[in-house]
Amino acid sequence: RAGQRSRVNLGVLCLHGEGVPQDIAEAARLFRWAAEQGNVASQLYLGRLLLGVADAGRALPAAPGEAARFVAQAAQQTEDENSRLEALAKLSEYAHDPDVVKACCVG
């Protein structure tokens, strides 16, 4: 768990260019590692980046189906109601996208 938190924290620094050069791709790589380990915060950060939501003025190319998978995992895992509602609200914005529906609802 400490390794996950460290990568999420470093990802946030890379995302915003705080104390390190801004590097969206490196932030996404760090978030992806932690997200695949089940870290809810990184699943939400990565989901936002893959949905094309600009953080710090730039975002990754949109990949809504992949983003939906991480955001849906976060919504299912978190016990924090605010995080769950944030994840579900983000998914609902993309409910018209067939890739999002497939990633969330077809299993």
N, C-alpha and C. Protein backbone atom coordinates (compact mmCIF):
# COMPACT_ATOMS: atom_id res chain seq x y z
N ARG A 1 0.81 -1.20 0.00
CA ARG A 1 0.00 0.00 0.00
C ARG A 1 0.85 1.26 0.00
N ALA A 2 1.96 1.25 0.72
CA ALA A 2 2.81 2.44 0.76
C ALA A 2 3.38 2.73 -0.62
N GLY A 3 3.73 1.67 -1.36
CA GLY A 3 4.24 1.84 -2.72
C GLY A 3 3.19 2.44 -3.63
N GLN A 4 1.94 2.03 -3.45
CA GLN A 4 0.85 2.60 -4.25
C GLN A 4 0.70 4.08 -3.97
N ARG A 5 0.66 4.42 -2.69
CA ARG A 5 0.49 5.83 -2.31
C ARG A 5 1.65 6.67 -2.83
N SER A 6 2.86 6.14 -2.75
CA SER A 6 4.03 6.88 -3.24
C SER A 6 3.91 7.15 -4.73
N ARG A 7 3.48 6.16 -5.49
CA ARG A 7 3.35 6.35 -6.94
C ARG A 7 2.22 7.32 -7.27
N VAL A 8 1.13 7.26 -6.52
CA VAL A 8 0.04 8.21 -6.75
C VAL A 8 0.53 9.62 -6.45
N ASN A 9 1.23 9.80 -5.33
CA ASN A 9 1.74 11.12 -4.97
C ASN A 9 2.72 11.64 -6.02
N LEU A 10 3.62 10.79 -6.48
CA LEU A 10 4.56 11.20 -7.52
C LEU A 10 3.82 11.51 -8.82
N GLY A 11 2.79 10.72 -9.11
CA GLY A 11 1.97 10.98 -10.30
C GLY A 11 1.32 12.35 -10.25
N VAL A 12 0.82 12.73 -9.08
CA VAL A 12 0.20 14.05 -8.92
C VAL A 12 1.24 15.14 -9.16
N LEU A 13 2.44 14.95 -8.62
CA LEU A 13 3.50 15.94 -8.84
C LEU A 13 3.84 16.06 -10.32
N CYS A 14 3.96 14.92 -11.00
CA CYS A 14 4.25 14.94 -12.45
C CYS A 14 3.09 15.57 -13.23
N LEU A 15 1.88 15.28 -12.82
CA LEU A 15 0.71 15.81 -13.51
C LEU A 15 0.69 17.33 -13.49
N HIS A 16 1.02 17.89 -12.34
CA HIS A 16 0.94 19.34 -12.18
C HIS A 16 2.29 20.06 -12.32
N GLY A 17 3.37 19.29 -12.45
CA GLY A 17 4.69 19.91 -12.58
C GLY A 17 5.14 20.59 -11.30
N GLU A 18 4.82 19.98 -10.18
CA GLU A 18 5.18 20.55 -8.88
C GLU A 18 6.47 19.90 -8.38
N GLY A 19 7.57 20.62 -8.44
CA GLY A 19 8.85 20.12 -7.97
C GLY A 19 9.56 19.22 -8.97
N VAL A 20 8.87 18.85 -10.02
CA VAL A 20 9.43 18.03 -11.11
C VAL A 20 8.88 18.60 -12.41
N PRO A 21 9.54 18.32 -13.54
CA PRO A 21 8.98 18.78 -14.81
C PRO A 21 7.61 18.14 -15.05
N GLN A 22 6.68 18.92 -15.57
CA GLN A 22 5.36 18.37 -15.86
C GLN A 22 5.49 17.30 -16.94
N ASP A 23 4.92 16.15 -16.67
CA ASP A 23 4.99 15.02 -17.60
C ASP A 23 3.72 14.20 -17.46
N ILE A 24 2.74 14.48 -18.32
CA ILE A 24 1.43 13.83 -18.26
C ILE A 24 1.57 12.33 -18.51
N ALA A 25 2.42 11.95 -19.46
CA ALA A 25 2.59 10.52 -19.77
C ALA A 25 3.17 9.77 -18.58
N GLU A 26 4.13 10.36 -17.89
CA GLU A 26 4.71 9.71 -16.71
C GLU A 26 3.68 9.65 -15.59
N ALA A 27 2.89 10.69 -15.42
CA ALA A 27 1.82 10.66 -14.42
C ALA A 27 0.86 9.52 -14.71
N ALA A 28 0.48 9.38 -15.97
CA ALA A 28 -0.44 8.31 -16.35
C ALA A 28 0.18 6.94 -16.09
N ARG A 29 1.48 6.79 -16.37
CA ARG A 29 2.15 5.51 -16.13
C ARG A 29 2.13 5.17 -14.64
N LEU A 30 2.41 6.15 -13.81
CA LEU A 30 2.39 5.92 -12.36
C LEU A 30 0.99 5.61 -11.86
N PHE A 31 0.01 6.38 -12.35
CA PHE A 31 -1.38 6.12 -11.95
C PHE A 31 -1.82 4.73 -12.42
N ARG A 32 -1.43 4.35 -13.64
CA ARG A 32 -1.84 3.04 -14.17
C ARG A 32 -1.31 1.91 -13.29
N TRP A 33 -0.04 2.01 -12.89
CA TRP A 33 0.53 0.96 -12.05
C TRP A 33 -0.29 0.80 -10.77
N ALA A 34 -0.54 1.91 -10.09
CA ALA A 34 -1.30 1.85 -8.84
C ALA A 34 -2.76 1.46 -9.08
N ALA A 35 -3.34 1.93 -10.19
CA ALA A 35 -4.73 1.60 -10.51
C ALA A 35 -4.89 0.10 -10.72
N GLU A 36 -3.93 -0.50 -11.37
CA GLU A 36 -4.00 -1.95 -11.60
C GLU A 36 -3.81 -2.74 -10.32
N GLN A 37 -3.27 -2.10 -9.29
CA GLN A 37 -3.14 -2.72 -7.97
C GLN A 37 -4.39 -2.47 -7.11
N GLY A 38 -5.36 -1.74 -7.66
CA GLY A 38 -6.60 -1.50 -6.95
C GLY A 38 -6.68 -0.19 -6.19
N ASN A 39 -5.75 0.73 -6.42
CA ASN A 39 -5.77 2.00 -5.71
C ASN A 39 -6.85 2.91 -6.29
N VAL A 40 -7.82 3.26 -5.47
CA VAL A 40 -9.00 4.01 -5.92
C VAL A 40 -8.62 5.40 -6.43
N ALA A 41 -7.77 6.11 -5.70
CA ALA A 41 -7.39 7.47 -6.12
C ALA A 41 -6.75 7.45 -7.50
N SER A 42 -5.86 6.48 -7.73
CA SER A 42 -5.19 6.42 -9.03
C SER A 42 -6.16 6.01 -10.13
N GLN A 43 -7.13 5.17 -9.81
CA GLN A 43 -8.15 4.80 -10.80
C GLN A 43 -8.93 6.04 -11.24
N LEU A 44 -9.24 6.91 -10.29
CA LEU A 44 -9.97 8.13 -10.63
C LEU A 44 -9.09 9.11 -11.42
N TYR A 45 -7.84 9.29 -10.99
CA TYR A 45 -6.93 10.17 -11.75
C TYR A 45 -6.74 9.66 -13.17
N LEU A 46 -6.46 8.37 -13.31
CA LEU A 46 -6.23 7.81 -14.64
C LEU A 46 -7.49 7.88 -15.48
N GLY A 47 -8.61 7.60 -14.86
CA GLY A 47 -9.87 7.70 -15.59
C GLY A 47 -10.09 9.09 -16.14
N ARG A 48 -9.83 10.11 -15.32
CA ARG A 48 -9.99 11.49 -15.79
C ARG A 48 -9.06 11.79 -16.96
N LEU A 49 -7.82 11.34 -16.87
CA LEU A 49 -6.87 11.58 -17.96
C LEU A 49 -7.31 10.87 -19.24
N LEU A 50 -7.77 9.63 -19.10
CA LEU A 50 -8.17 8.86 -20.27
C LEU A 50 -9.51 9.32 -20.85
N LEU A 51 -10.29 10.03 -20.06
CA LEU A 51 -11.53 10.61 -20.59
C LEU A 51 -11.25 11.92 -21.31
N GLY A 52 -9.99 12.35 -21.28
CA GLY A 52 -9.64 13.59 -21.96
C GLY A 52 -9.93 14.82 -21.13
N VAL A 53 -10.13 14.64 -19.83
CA VAL A 53 -10.35 15.77 -18.94
C VAL A 53 -9.01 16.44 -18.70
N ALA A 54 -8.90 17.68 -19.09
CA ALA A 54 -7.62 18.38 -19.00
C ALA A 54 -7.30 18.73 -17.55
N ASP A 55 -6.20 18.22 -17.08
CA ASP A 55 -5.64 18.62 -15.79
C ASP A 55 -4.37 19.37 -16.13
N ALA A 56 -4.15 20.48 -15.53
CA ALA A 56 -2.97 21.29 -15.78
C ALA A 56 -2.87 21.68 -17.25
N GLY A 57 -4.02 21.82 -17.90
CA GLY A 57 -4.04 22.33 -19.27
C GLY A 57 -3.85 21.30 -20.36
N ARG A 58 -3.52 20.08 -20.04
CA ARG A 58 -3.32 19.06 -21.07
C ARG A 58 -3.89 17.74 -20.59
N ALA A 59 -4.20 16.88 -21.52
CA ALA A 59 -4.69 15.55 -21.19
C ALA A 59 -4.14 14.56 -22.20
N LEU A 60 -4.33 13.30 -21.90
CA LEU A 60 -3.95 12.24 -22.83
C LEU A 60 -5.00 12.14 -23.93
N PRO A 61 -4.67 11.47 -25.03
CA PRO A 61 -5.73 11.19 -26.01
C PRO A 61 -6.85 10.40 -25.33
N ALA A 62 -8.07 10.76 -25.63
CA ALA A 62 -9.21 10.14 -24.96
C ALA A 62 -9.29 8.65 -25.29
N ALA A 63 -9.56 7.86 -24.28
CA ALA A 63 -9.78 6.42 -24.40
C ALA A 63 -10.92 6.08 -23.44
N PRO A 64 -12.16 6.46 -23.82
CA PRO A 64 -13.26 6.36 -22.87
C PRO A 64 -13.56 4.95 -22.38
N GLY A 65 -13.40 3.95 -23.22
CA GLY A 65 -13.67 2.59 -22.76
C GLY A 65 -12.72 2.16 -21.67
N GLU A 66 -11.44 2.43 -21.85
CA GLU A 66 -10.44 2.09 -20.84
C GLU A 66 -10.65 2.93 -19.58
N ALA A 67 -10.95 4.20 -19.78
CA ALA A 67 -11.21 5.08 -18.64
C ALA A 67 -12.38 4.56 -17.82
N ALA A 68 -13.42 4.15 -18.51
CA ALA A 68 -14.62 3.67 -17.82
C ALA A 68 -14.31 2.46 -16.95
N ARG A 69 -13.44 1.60 -17.43
CA ARG A 69 -13.08 0.41 -16.66
C ARG A 69 -12.46 0.81 -15.32
N PHE A 70 -11.54 1.78 -15.35
CA PHE A 70 -10.88 2.21 -14.11
C PHE A 70 -11.84 2.98 -13.21
N VAL A 71 -12.65 3.84 -13.78
CA VAL A 71 -13.58 4.64 -12.97
C VAL A 71 -14.64 3.73 -12.35
N ALA A 72 -15.12 2.75 -13.12
CA ALA A 72 -16.11 1.81 -12.57
C ALA A 72 -15.50 0.98 -11.44
N GLN A 73 -14.25 0.57 -11.58
CA GLN A 73 -13.58 -0.17 -10.50
C GLN A 73 -13.51 0.69 -9.24
N ALA A 74 -13.17 1.97 -9.42
CA ALA A 74 -13.09 2.87 -8.27
C ALA A 74 -14.45 2.98 -7.59
N ALA A 75 -15.50 3.12 -8.38
CA ALA A 75 -16.85 3.26 -7.81
C ALA A 75 -17.25 2.01 -7.04
N GLN A 76 -16.84 0.85 -7.53
CA GLN A 76 -17.20 -0.41 -6.87
C GLN A 76 -16.39 -0.65 -5.60
N GLN A 77 -15.15 -0.19 -5.56
CA GLN A 77 -14.25 -0.51 -4.45
C GLN A 77 -14.32 0.46 -3.28
N THR A 78 -14.57 1.72 -3.57
CA THR A 78 -14.43 2.73 -2.52
C THR A 78 -15.57 2.64 -1.50
N GLU A 79 -15.21 2.89 -0.27
CA GLU A 79 -16.20 3.00 0.79
C GLU A 79 -16.55 4.46 1.05
N ASP A 80 -15.77 5.35 0.44
CA ASP A 80 -16.00 6.79 0.59
C ASP A 80 -17.12 7.21 -0.36
N GLU A 81 -18.22 7.63 0.21
CA GLU A 81 -19.39 7.97 -0.61
C GLU A 81 -19.12 9.11 -1.58
N ASN A 82 -18.31 10.09 -1.18
CA ASN A 82 -18.00 11.20 -2.09
C ASN A 82 -17.21 10.71 -3.30
N SER A 83 -16.25 9.82 -3.07
CA SER A 83 -15.48 9.27 -4.20
C SER A 83 -16.37 8.43 -5.10
N ARG A 84 -17.27 7.67 -4.51
CA ARG A 84 -18.20 6.85 -5.30
C ARG A 84 -19.09 7.74 -6.17
N LEU A 85 -19.62 8.80 -5.58
CA LEU A 85 -20.48 9.71 -6.33
C LEU A 85 -19.70 10.43 -7.43
N GLU A 86 -18.46 10.82 -7.14
CA GLU A 86 -17.63 11.47 -8.15
C GLU A 86 -17.41 10.52 -9.33
N ALA A 87 -17.09 9.28 -9.04
CA ALA A 87 -16.85 8.30 -10.11
C ALA A 87 -18.11 8.06 -10.93
N LEU A 88 -19.23 7.89 -10.26
CA LEU A 88 -20.48 7.65 -10.98
C LEU A 88 -20.90 8.86 -11.81
N ALA A 89 -20.68 10.05 -11.28
CA ALA A 89 -21.01 11.27 -12.03
C ALA A 89 -20.14 11.36 -13.29
N LYS A 90 -18.86 11.03 -13.16
CA LYS A 90 -17.96 11.07 -14.31
C LYS A 90 -18.41 10.06 -15.36
N LEU A 91 -18.78 8.87 -14.92
CA LEU A 91 -19.26 7.87 -15.88
C LEU A 91 -20.55 8.31 -16.56
N SER A 92 -21.43 8.94 -15.82
CA SER A 92 -22.71 9.33 -16.40
C SER A 92 -22.55 10.37 -17.50
N GLU A 93 -21.48 11.16 -17.43
CA GLU A 93 -21.22 12.14 -18.49
C GLU A 93 -20.92 11.47 -19.82
N TYR A 94 -20.49 10.22 -19.77
CA TYR A 94 -20.08 9.51 -20.98
C TYR A 94 -20.99 8.33 -21.27
N ALA A 95 -22.18 8.31 -20.66
CA ALA A 95 -23.09 7.17 -20.82
C ALA A 95 -23.53 6.97 -22.26
N HIS A 96 -23.44 8.00 -23.09
CA HIS A 96 -23.83 7.88 -24.50
C HIS A 96 -22.78 7.17 -25.34
N ASP A 97 -21.58 7.00 -24.79
CA ASP A 97 -20.47 6.41 -25.54
C ASP A 97 -20.55 4.88 -25.44
N PRO A 98 -20.68 4.18 -26.58
CA PRO A 98 -20.80 2.72 -26.53
C PRO A 98 -19.60 2.02 -25.88
N ASP A 99 -18.40 2.59 -26.01
CA ASP A 99 -17.23 1.99 -25.38
C ASP A 99 -17.33 2.04 -23.86
N VAL A 100 -17.89 3.13 -23.35
CA VAL A 100 -18.05 3.26 -21.91
C VAL A 100 -19.09 2.28 -21.41
N VAL A 101 -20.21 2.19 -22.10
CA VAL A 101 -21.26 1.26 -21.69
C VAL A 101 -20.74 -0.17 -21.72
N LYS A 102 -20.01 -0.53 -22.75
CA LYS A 102 -19.47 -1.88 -22.87
C LYS A 102 -18.49 -2.16 -21.74
N ALA A 103 -17.61 -1.23 -21.42
CA ALA A 103 -16.60 -1.43 -20.38
C ALA A 103 -17.24 -1.55 -19.00
N CYS A 104 -18.34 -0.83 -18.79
CA CYS A 104 -18.97 -0.82 -17.47
C CYS A 104 -20.02 -1.91 -17.27
N CYS A 105 -20.69 -2.23 -18.33
CA CYS A 105 -21.91 -3.03 -18.17
C CYS A 105 -21.88 -4.40 -18.81
N VAL A 106 -20.94 -4.65 -19.70
CA VAL A 106 -20.88 -5.94 -20.38
C VAL A 106 -19.69 -6.68 -19.81
N GLY A 107 -19.92 -7.83 -19.30
CA GLY A 107 -18.81 -8.46 -18.65
C GLY A 107 -18.61 -9.85 -19.03
